[in-house]
Amino acid sequence: MDKFEVFFDLVFVVSFFIITRATAANVSGRQLLHAMLVLAVLWWCWVVHSGSPASSASARASSRC
């Protein structure tokens, strides 16, 4: 894991914290739905981001053989 990946992980964690804190400050049905949608998109972005370095690393390893 390089520094670039750690930076993006930190960005995702801070974003998650900010969204949950803002939702906790103003709990309503619409705000909760909005937060859940934003968190779902954030989660999807994190999954795609965390999978791409692993796939590129395996591609580099297989091309060396």
N, C-alpha and C. Protein backbone atom coordinates (compact mmCIF):
# COMPACT_ATOMS: atom_id res chain seq x y z
N MET A 1 0.86 -1.18 0.00
CA MET A 1 0.00 0.00 0.00
C MET A 1 0.90 1.24 0.00
N ASP A 2 0.71 2.08 -0.98
CA ASP A 2 1.55 3.27 -1.04
C ASP A 2 0.84 4.47 -0.41
N LYS A 3 1.52 5.59 -0.36
CA LYS A 3 0.99 6.78 0.31
C LYS A 3 -0.26 7.31 -0.39
N PHE A 4 -0.34 7.14 -1.70
CA PHE A 4 -1.49 7.61 -2.46
C PHE A 4 -2.76 6.85 -2.05
N GLU A 5 -2.65 5.54 -1.88
CA GLU A 5 -3.79 4.74 -1.44
C GLU A 5 -4.21 5.10 -0.02
N VAL A 6 -3.24 5.32 0.85
CA VAL A 6 -3.55 5.69 2.23
C VAL A 6 -4.27 7.04 2.26
N PHE A 7 -3.84 7.96 1.42
CA PHE A 7 -4.49 9.27 1.35
C PHE A 7 -5.95 9.12 0.94
N PHE A 8 -6.23 8.31 -0.09
CA PHE A 8 -7.61 8.12 -0.52
C PHE A 8 -8.45 7.41 0.53
N ASP A 9 -7.86 6.45 1.24
CA ASP A 9 -8.59 5.81 2.33
C ASP A 9 -8.95 6.83 3.40
N LEU A 10 -8.03 7.72 3.71
CA LEU A 10 -8.30 8.76 4.69
C LEU A 10 -9.41 9.70 4.22
N VAL A 11 -9.41 10.05 2.94
CA VAL A 11 -10.46 10.90 2.38
C VAL A 11 -11.82 10.23 2.52
N PHE A 12 -11.90 8.94 2.25
CA PHE A 12 -13.17 8.23 2.37
C PHE A 12 -13.63 8.16 3.82
N VAL A 13 -12.73 7.93 4.74
CA VAL A 13 -13.10 7.86 6.16
C VAL A 13 -13.60 9.22 6.65
N VAL A 14 -12.91 10.28 6.29
CA VAL A 14 -13.33 11.63 6.71
C VAL A 14 -14.67 11.99 6.09
N SER A 15 -14.87 11.63 4.82
CA SER A 15 -16.16 11.90 4.17
C SER A 15 -17.30 11.15 4.86
N PHE A 16 -17.05 9.90 5.20
CA PHE A 16 -18.04 9.10 5.92
C PHE A 16 -18.39 9.76 7.25
N PHE A 17 -17.37 10.21 7.97
CA PHE A 17 -17.58 10.86 9.26
C PHE A 17 -18.39 12.16 9.11
N ILE A 18 -18.07 12.97 8.13
CA ILE A 18 -18.77 14.24 7.92
C ILE A 18 -20.23 14.00 7.58
N ILE A 19 -20.50 13.02 6.73
CA ILE A 19 -21.88 12.74 6.34
C ILE A 19 -22.69 12.24 7.52
N THR A 20 -22.14 11.32 8.30
CA THR A 20 -22.88 10.79 9.44
C THR A 20 -23.08 11.85 10.52
N ARG A 21 -22.09 12.71 10.72
CA ARG A 21 -22.23 13.76 11.73
C ARG A 21 -23.29 14.78 11.31
N ALA A 22 -23.31 15.14 10.03
CA ALA A 22 -24.32 16.09 9.55
C ALA A 22 -25.72 15.49 9.64
N THR A 23 -25.84 14.20 9.38
CA THR A 23 -27.14 13.54 9.48
C THR A 23 -27.60 13.45 10.93
N ALA A 24 -26.69 13.17 11.83
CA ALA A 24 -27.05 13.07 13.25
C ALA A 24 -27.50 14.41 13.81
N ALA A 25 -26.99 15.49 13.26
CA ALA A 25 -27.36 16.82 13.74
C ALA A 25 -28.77 17.20 13.30
N ASN A 26 -29.24 16.64 12.20
CA ASN A 26 -30.56 17.01 11.67
C ASN A 26 -31.23 15.74 11.15
N VAL A 27 -31.84 14.98 12.08
CA VAL A 27 -32.44 13.71 11.71
C VAL A 27 -33.88 13.92 11.26
N SER A 28 -34.10 13.63 9.99
CA SER A 28 -35.45 13.60 9.44
C SER A 28 -35.47 12.48 8.41
N GLY A 29 -36.64 12.11 7.98
CA GLY A 29 -36.74 11.03 7.02
C GLY A 29 -36.02 11.34 5.72
N ARG A 30 -36.24 12.53 5.22
CA ARG A 30 -35.60 12.91 3.96
C ARG A 30 -34.08 13.03 4.11
N GLN A 31 -33.63 13.61 5.21
CA GLN A 31 -32.19 13.74 5.46
C GLN A 31 -31.54 12.37 5.61
N LEU A 32 -32.23 11.46 6.27
CA LEU A 32 -31.69 10.12 6.44
C LEU A 32 -31.59 9.39 5.10
N LEU A 33 -32.61 9.52 4.26
CA LEU A 33 -32.57 8.91 2.94
C LEU A 33 -31.44 9.50 2.09
N HIS A 34 -31.31 10.81 2.15
CA HIS A 34 -30.23 11.48 1.40
C HIS A 34 -28.87 10.99 1.87
N ALA A 35 -28.68 10.89 3.17
CA ALA A 35 -27.39 10.43 3.71
C ALA A 35 -27.12 8.99 3.30
N MET A 36 -28.14 8.15 3.31
CA MET A 36 -27.95 6.75 2.92
C MET A 36 -27.56 6.65 1.44
N LEU A 37 -28.16 7.47 0.60
CA LEU A 37 -27.80 7.46 -0.82
C LEU A 37 -26.37 7.94 -1.04
N VAL A 38 -26.00 9.01 -0.35
CA VAL A 38 -24.63 9.53 -0.48
C VAL A 38 -23.62 8.51 0.05
N LEU A 39 -23.94 7.87 1.17
CA LEU A 39 -23.03 6.86 1.72
C LEU A 39 -22.93 5.65 0.80
N ALA A 40 -24.03 5.28 0.14
CA ALA A 40 -23.98 4.17 -0.81
C ALA A 40 -23.06 4.50 -1.99
N VAL A 41 -23.16 5.72 -2.50
CA VAL A 41 -22.27 6.13 -3.60
C VAL A 41 -20.83 6.18 -3.11
N LEU A 42 -20.62 6.70 -1.91
CA LEU A 42 -19.27 6.76 -1.34
C LEU A 42 -18.70 5.36 -1.16
N TRP A 43 -19.53 4.43 -0.68
CA TRP A 43 -19.09 3.05 -0.49
C TRP A 43 -18.73 2.43 -1.84
N TRP A 44 -19.56 2.66 -2.86
CA TRP A 44 -19.29 2.13 -4.19
C TRP A 44 -17.97 2.67 -4.73
N CYS A 45 -17.73 3.96 -4.56
CA CYS A 45 -16.47 4.55 -5.02
C CYS A 45 -15.28 3.94 -4.30
N TRP A 46 -15.42 3.70 -3.00
CA TRP A 46 -14.33 3.11 -2.23
C TRP A 46 -14.04 1.69 -2.70
N VAL A 47 -15.10 0.92 -2.97
CA VAL A 47 -14.91 -0.46 -3.43
C VAL A 47 -14.19 -0.48 -4.78
N VAL A 48 -14.62 0.39 -5.70
CA VAL A 48 -13.97 0.46 -7.01
C VAL A 48 -12.52 0.91 -6.85
N HIS A 49 -12.29 1.90 -6.00
CA HIS A 49 -10.93 2.40 -5.78
C HIS A 49 -10.04 1.35 -5.13
N SER A 50 -10.56 0.62 -4.17
CA SER A 50 -9.73 -0.36 -3.48
C SER A 50 -9.49 -1.59 -4.35
N GLY A 51 -10.34 -1.86 -5.31
CA GLY A 51 -10.15 -3.00 -6.18
C GLY A 51 -9.19 -2.74 -7.32
N SER A 52 -9.10 -1.51 -7.77
CA SER A 52 -8.25 -1.22 -8.92
C SER A 52 -6.75 -1.39 -8.64
N PRO A 53 -6.22 -0.99 -7.50
CA PRO A 53 -4.79 -1.25 -7.26
C PRO A 53 -4.50 -2.75 -7.16
N ALA A 54 -5.43 -3.50 -6.58
CA ALA A 54 -5.22 -4.95 -6.45
C ALA A 54 -5.21 -5.61 -7.82
N SER A 55 -6.11 -5.19 -8.70
CA SER A 55 -6.15 -5.80 -10.03
C SER A 55 -4.94 -5.39 -10.87
N SER A 56 -4.50 -4.16 -10.72
CA SER A 56 -3.32 -3.74 -11.48
C SER A 56 -2.06 -4.41 -10.95
N ALA A 57 -2.01 -4.65 -9.65
CA ALA A 57 -0.85 -5.35 -9.09
C ALA A 57 -0.81 -6.80 -9.55
N SER A 58 -1.97 -7.45 -9.63
CA SER A 58 -1.99 -8.83 -10.10
C SER A 58 -1.68 -8.89 -11.60
N ALA A 59 -2.11 -7.89 -12.36
CA ALA A 59 -1.80 -7.84 -13.79
C ALA A 59 -0.30 -7.66 -14.00
N ARG A 60 0.32 -6.82 -13.18
CA ARG A 60 1.77 -6.62 -13.29
C ARG A 60 2.52 -7.89 -12.91
N ALA A 61 2.02 -8.58 -11.89
CA ALA A 61 2.68 -9.81 -11.46
C ALA A 61 2.56 -10.90 -12.51
N SER A 62 1.40 -10.99 -13.17
CA SER A 62 1.24 -12.03 -14.18
C SER A 62 2.00 -11.71 -15.45
N SER A 63 2.24 -10.43 -15.74
CA SER A 63 2.99 -10.08 -16.94
C SER A 63 4.49 -10.32 -16.76
N ARG A 64 4.96 -10.43 -15.54
CA ARG A 64 6.38 -10.69 -15.28
C ARG A 64 6.74 -12.13 -15.57
N CYS A 65 5.79 -13.03 -15.46
CA CYS A 65 6.08 -14.46 -15.64
C CYS A 65 6.24 -14.83 -17.08
